[in-house]
Amino acid sequence: MKDKVIIITGASSGIGKALAFECGKRGGKLVLCARNEEKLNEAGEELKKIMSTLFSLRQMFQKNTIAGH
């Protein structure tokens, strides 16, 4: 899983959040998305403690980094 890009939906709670932590521990590069932005940000802050790089789809769209924009 190391250095693989992994997109996880529902990453703000439950199985999605648990999966994000497990993939993060194993060296995956995570792209997280969820309906609840506040909870997603909280999960992201927790994940930053064990990971160096983390992206949310919202960040990627805001920075115009998808599909060559």
C-alpha atoms as a PDB file:
ATOM      1  CA  MET A   1       0.000   0.000   0.000  1.00  0.00           C
ATOM      2  CA  LYS A   2       3.006   2.273   0.408  1.00  0.00           C
ATOM      3  CA  ASP A   3       2.902   5.266  -1.946  1.00  0.00           C
ATOM      4  CA  LYS A   4      -0.387   4.172  -3.563  1.00  0.00           C
ATOM      5  CA  VAL A   5      -3.007   6.897  -4.032  1.00  0.00           C
ATOM      6  CA  ILE A   6      -6.176   5.812  -2.237  1.00  0.00           C
ATOM      7  CA  ILE A   7      -9.518   7.636  -2.495  1.00  0.00           C
ATOM      8  CA  ILE A   8     -11.750   7.045   0.520  1.00  0.00           C
ATOM      9  CA  THR A   9     -15.367   8.160   0.645  1.00  0.00           C
ATOM     10  CA  GLY A  10     -17.189   8.544   3.941  1.00  0.00           C
ATOM     11  CA  ALA A  11     -13.855   9.293   5.581  1.00  0.00           C
ATOM     12  CA  SER A  12     -15.254  11.472   8.366  1.00  0.00           C
ATOM     13  CA  SER A  13     -16.565   8.608  10.535  1.00  0.00           C
ATOM     14  CA  GLY A  14     -17.118   4.899  10.941  1.00  0.00           C
ATOM     15  CA  ILE A  15     -15.587   2.401   8.546  1.00  0.00           C
ATOM     16  CA  GLY A  16     -14.340   5.111   6.166  1.00  0.00           C
ATOM     17  CA  LYS A  17     -12.427   6.873   8.935  1.00  0.00           C
ATOM     18  CA  ALA A  18     -11.008   3.590  10.244  1.00  0.00           C
ATOM     19  CA  LEU A  19      -9.938   2.649   6.720  1.00  0.00           C
ATOM     20  CA  ALA A  20      -8.260   6.035   6.281  1.00  0.00           C
ATOM     21  CA  PHE A  21      -6.222   5.520   9.454  1.00  0.00           C
ATOM     22  CA  GLU A  22      -5.199   1.996   8.469  1.00  0.00           C
ATOM     23  CA  CYS A  23      -4.183   3.022   4.961  1.00  0.00           C
ATOM     24  CA  GLY A  24      -2.335   6.037   6.370  1.00  0.00           C
ATOM     25  CA  LYS A  25      -0.380   3.849   8.772  1.00  0.00           C
ATOM     26  CA  ARG A  26       0.606   1.615   5.862  1.00  0.00           C
ATOM     27  CA  GLY A  27       2.017   4.514   3.840  1.00  0.00           C
ATOM     28  CA  GLY A  28      -0.830   5.200   1.423  1.00  0.00           C
ATOM     29  CA  LYS A  29      -1.350   8.668  -0.052  1.00  0.00           C
ATOM     30  CA  LEU A  30      -4.916   9.525   0.864  1.00  0.00           C
ATOM     31  CA  VAL A  31      -7.596  11.573  -0.840  1.00  0.00           C
ATOM     32  CA  LEU A  32     -10.534  11.879   1.534  1.00  0.00           C
ATOM     33  CA  CYS A  33     -14.102  12.916   0.925  1.00  0.00           C
ATOM     34  CA  ALA A  34     -17.270  13.032   3.030  1.00  0.00           C
ATOM     35  CA  ARG A  35     -20.555  14.902   3.199  1.00  0.00           C
ATOM     36  CA  ASN A  36     -19.794  16.510   6.564  1.00  0.00           C
ATOM     37  CA  GLU A  37     -16.942  18.966   5.998  1.00  0.00           C
ATOM     38  CA  GLU A  38     -16.491  19.763   9.685  1.00  0.00           C
ATOM     39  CA  LYS A  39     -16.097  16.097  10.666  1.00  0.00           C
ATOM     40  CA  LEU A  40     -13.831  15.517   7.666  1.00  0.00           C
ATOM     41  CA  ASN A  41     -11.579  18.354   8.819  1.00  0.00           C
ATOM     42  CA  GLU A  42     -11.472  16.858  12.324  1.00  0.00           C
ATOM     43  CA  ALA A  43     -10.531  13.443  10.929  1.00  0.00           C
ATOM     44  CA  GLY A  44      -7.907  15.109   8.743  1.00  0.00           C
ATOM     45  CA  GLU A  45      -6.334  16.825  11.751  1.00  0.00           C
ATOM     46  CA  GLU A  46      -6.093  13.470  13.525  1.00  0.00           C
ATOM     47  CA  LEU A  47      -4.576  11.836  10.448  1.00  0.00           C
ATOM     48  CA  LYS A  48      -1.953  14.561  10.066  1.00  0.00           C
ATOM     49  CA  LYS A  49      -0.392  13.274  13.288  1.00  0.00           C
ATOM     50  CA  ILE A  50       0.567  10.022  11.547  1.00  0.00           C
ATOM     51  CA  MET A  51       0.959  11.213   7.936  1.00  0.00           C
ATOM     52  CA  SER A  52       2.947  13.843   6.115  1.00  0.00           C
ATOM     53  CA  THR A  53       0.669  14.309   3.063  1.00  0.00           C
ATOM     54  CA  LEU A  54      -3.114  14.384   3.027  1.00  0.00           C
ATOM     55  CA  PHE A  55      -5.591  15.860   0.540  1.00  0.00           C
ATOM     56  CA  SER A  56      -9.329  16.346   0.547  1.00  0.00           C
ATOM     57  CA  LEU A  57     -11.315  16.585  -2.683  1.00  0.00           C
ATOM     58  CA  ARG A  58     -12.428  20.071  -1.636  1.00  0.00           C
ATOM     59  CA  GLN A  59      -8.807  21.207  -1.378  1.00  0.00           C
ATOM     60  CA  MET A  60      -8.016  19.723  -4.764  1.00  0.00           C
ATOM     61  CA  PHE A  61     -10.946  21.452  -6.461  1.00  0.00           C
ATOM     62  CA  GLN A  62     -10.154  24.756  -4.769  1.00  0.00           C
ATOM     63  CA  LYS A  63      -6.566  24.586  -6.000  1.00  0.00           C
ATOM     64  CA  ASN A  64      -7.679  23.661  -9.545  1.00  0.00           C
ATOM     65  CA  THR A  65      -5.377  20.626  -9.600  1.00  0.00           C
ATOM     66  CA  ILE A  66      -7.807  18.115 -11.090  1.00  0.00           C
ATOM     67  CA  ALA A  67      -7.970  17.290 -14.794  1.00  0.00           C
ATOM     68  CA  GLY A  68      -5.372  19.840 -15.823  1.00  0.00           C
ATOM     69  CA  HIS A  69      -7.266  22.940 -14.706  1.00  0.00           C
END
